[in-house]
Protein backbone atom coordinates (compact mmCIF):
# COMPACT_ATOMS: atom_id res chain seq x y z
CA MET A 1 0.00 0.00 0.00
CA ILE A 2 1.34 3.43 -0.92
CA GLU A 3 1.54 5.80 2.03
CA ILE A 4 -0.25 9.13 1.66
CA GLY A 5 2.88 11.12 2.50
CA TYR A 6 4.68 9.62 -0.47
CA VAL A 7 1.76 10.54 -2.73
CA PHE A 8 1.93 14.21 -1.69
CA LEU A 9 5.70 14.23 -2.01
CA PHE A 10 5.53 12.62 -5.45
CA LEU A 11 2.83 15.04 -6.67
CA CYS A 12 4.77 18.07 -5.44
CA ALA A 13 7.98 16.77 -7.03
CA ILE A 14 6.25 16.29 -10.38
CA VAL A 15 4.65 19.74 -10.30
CA LEU A 16 7.87 21.47 -9.23
CA PHE A 17 9.93 19.59 -11.83
CA ALA A 18 7.42 20.47 -14.58
CA THR A 19 7.38 24.08 -13.37
CA ILE A 20 11.16 24.35 -13.57
CA ILE A 21 11.34 22.74 -17.01
CA LEU A 22 8.56 24.92 -18.43
CA ALA A 23 10.05 28.08 -16.89
CA ILE A 24 13.39 27.24 -18.52
CA ILE A 25 11.75 26.56 -21.89
CA PHE A 26 9.87 29.88 -21.79
CA ARG A 27 12.64 31.91 -20.12
CA ARG A 28 12.73 34.46 -22.94
CA ASN A 29 9.15 35.49 -22.17
CA LYS A 30 9.31 36.79 -18.58
CA THR A 31 5.53 37.03 -18.17
CA THR A 32 5.00 33.42 -19.22
CA SER A 33 7.85 32.20 -16.98
CA LEU A 34 6.43 34.07 -14.00
CA GLY A 35 2.94 32.69 -14.73
CA ILE A 36 4.29 29.14 -14.88
CA ILE A 37 6.14 29.55 -11.58
CA LEU A 38 3.07 31.02 -9.88
CA ALA A 39 0.86 28.22 -11.25
CA GLY A 40 3.29 25.63 -9.89
CA LEU A 41 3.21 27.26 -6.47
CA MET A 42 -0.59 27.46 -6.57
CA VAL A 43 -0.68 23.68 -6.97
CA CYS A 44 2.01 22.81 -4.40
CA ILE A 45 0.88 25.10 -1.58
CA PRO A 46 -2.58 23.49 -1.24
CA LEU A 47 -0.94 20.04 -1.34
CA PHE A 48 1.32 21.10 1.53
CA PHE A 49 -1.63 22.32 3.62
CA LEU A 50 -3.60 19.17 2.80
CA ALA A 51 -0.69 17.00 4.00
CA ASP A 52 -0.38 19.10 7.18
CA TRP A 53 -4.11 18.72 7.85
CA GLY A 54 -3.79 14.95 7.36
CA LEU A 55 -0.90 14.80 9.82
CA LYS A 56 -2.89 16.69 12.47
CA ASN A 57 -5.79 14.28 11.97
CA GLN A 58 -3.45 11.28 12.37
CA HIS A 59 -2.11 12.72 15.62
CA LYS A 60 -5.59 13.40 16.98
CA ALA A 61 -6.76 9.91 16.00
CA GLU A 62 -3.76 8.39 17.83
CA ILE A 63 -4.43 10.51 20.92
CA ASN A 64 -8.09 9.44 20.90
CA ARG A 65 -7.05 5.79 20.43
CA VAL A 66 -4.70 5.81 23.44
CA ILE A 67 -7.13 7.60 25.77
CA THR A 68 -10.08 5.43 24.70
CA LYS A 69 -7.97 2.25 25.01
CA ASN A 70 -7.41 3.20 28.66
CA HIS A 71 -11.15 3.77 29.25
CA GLY A 72 -10.92 7.56 29.19
CA THR A 73 -12.94 10.10 27.25
CA VAL A 74 -11.15 12.88 25.37
CA ILE A 75 -12.52 16.33 26.18
CA GLU A 76 -10.07 18.53 24.32
CA ILE A 77 -6.86 18.26 22.27
CA ASP A 78 -4.84 21.48 21.98
CA LYS A 79 -1.72 21.89 19.89
CA VAL A 80 0.69 23.89 22.06
CA ASP A 81 4.18 25.35 21.86
CA ALA A 82 6.94 23.13 23.28
CA LYS A 83 7.72 25.77 25.93
CA GLU A 84 4.26 25.23 27.41
CA THR A 85 4.85 21.50 28.00
CA PRO A 86 6.75 19.32 30.46
CA PHE A 87 8.89 18.16 27.51
CA TYR A 88 10.72 21.49 27.40
CA PRO A 89 13.71 22.02 26.88
CA GLU A 90 13.55 18.99 24.57
CA ALA A 91 11.97 21.08 21.83
CA SER A 92 12.27 20.43 18.11
CA ALA A 93 10.60 21.59 14.90
CA SER A 94 10.40 17.88 14.01
CA ASN A 95 7.81 17.34 16.73
CA ARG A 96 4.31 18.57 17.58
CA TYR A 97 3.15 18.99 21.12
CA TYR A 98 -0.39 18.45 22.39
CA LYS A 99 -2.13 19.15 25.68
CA VAL A 100 -4.80 16.49 26.10
CA THR A 101 -7.66 17.04 28.52
CA PHE A 102 -9.63 13.89 29.20
CA GLU A 103 -11.96 12.33 31.74
CA LEU A 104 -11.24 9.09 33.55
CA ASN A 105 -13.40 7.78 36.42
CA ASN A 106 -15.24 11.12 36.64
CA GLU A 107 -11.93 12.92 37.12
CA LYS A 108 -10.60 15.53 34.70
CA ILE A 109 -6.95 14.81 33.84
CA ILE A 110 -4.41 16.64 31.70
CA GLY A 111 -1.94 14.58 29.69
CA TRP A 112 0.79 15.54 27.24
CA ASN A 113 1.79 14.10 23.90
CA ARG A 114 4.90 14.71 21.82
CA SER A 115 4.27 13.49 18.27
CA THR A 116 6.59 13.13 15.31
CA ASN A 117 6.06 15.02 12.07
CA SER A 118 6.24 11.92 9.89
CA ILE A 119 3.04 11.54 7.90
CA ASN A 120 4.00 8.04 6.74
CA ASP A 121 4.53 6.59 10.22
CA ILE A 122 3.70 8.73 13.24
CA HIS A 123 5.36 6.15 15.48
CA SER A 124 8.72 6.21 13.70
CA THR A 125 11.89 7.45 15.36
CA PRO A 126 12.78 10.70 13.60
CA SER A 127 16.25 11.42 12.27
CA LYS A 128 15.87 14.90 13.78
CA GLY A 129 13.98 15.79 16.91
CA TYR A 130 12.72 13.43 19.58
CA PRO A 131 10.67 10.22 19.48
CA GLU A 132 6.98 10.08 20.28
CA MET A 133 6.32 10.34 24.01
CA TRP A 134 3.40 10.53 26.41
CA ILE A 135 3.09 12.00 29.90
CA LEU A 136 0.05 10.29 31.42
CA PRO A 137 -0.87 8.50 34.65
CA GLU A 138 1.43 5.49 35.17
CA SER A 139 -1.28 2.89 34.60
CA PHE A 140 -1.82 4.00 31.00
CA ASP A 141 -0.83 1.76 28.09
CA THR A 142 0.44 3.84 25.15
CA SER A 143 1.59 0.93 22.96
CA TYR A 144 0.21 0.62 19.46
């Protein structure tokens, strides 16, 4: 099965490659070259935001899975800056940080999640940044 991250990467690579080739071919006509470059960007930018949206949804689905697996109910998932978390000073642009408010046994609990920015495998160990990590009550099972 082809991973969705590879599809977005492949589509962006094709569009950018075609944009560069066409801009080179029409380099004598500045207006046409500029139009080709802008058209290429207009295709790639939405693909980037679509991939980012998909990654956020994967993270939220994983957070819901872990909390539900441990008999909790998710109330709120907030993406926060690393400085606002217990993970700090282990901060990296290769990670996303979430404050998770959930209910367990009629008690409101706050947990923390550090996720990786890998759309193909959110559980992978990144080459940059830090691996996925949870800060939850000790009895919680975060395995996948």
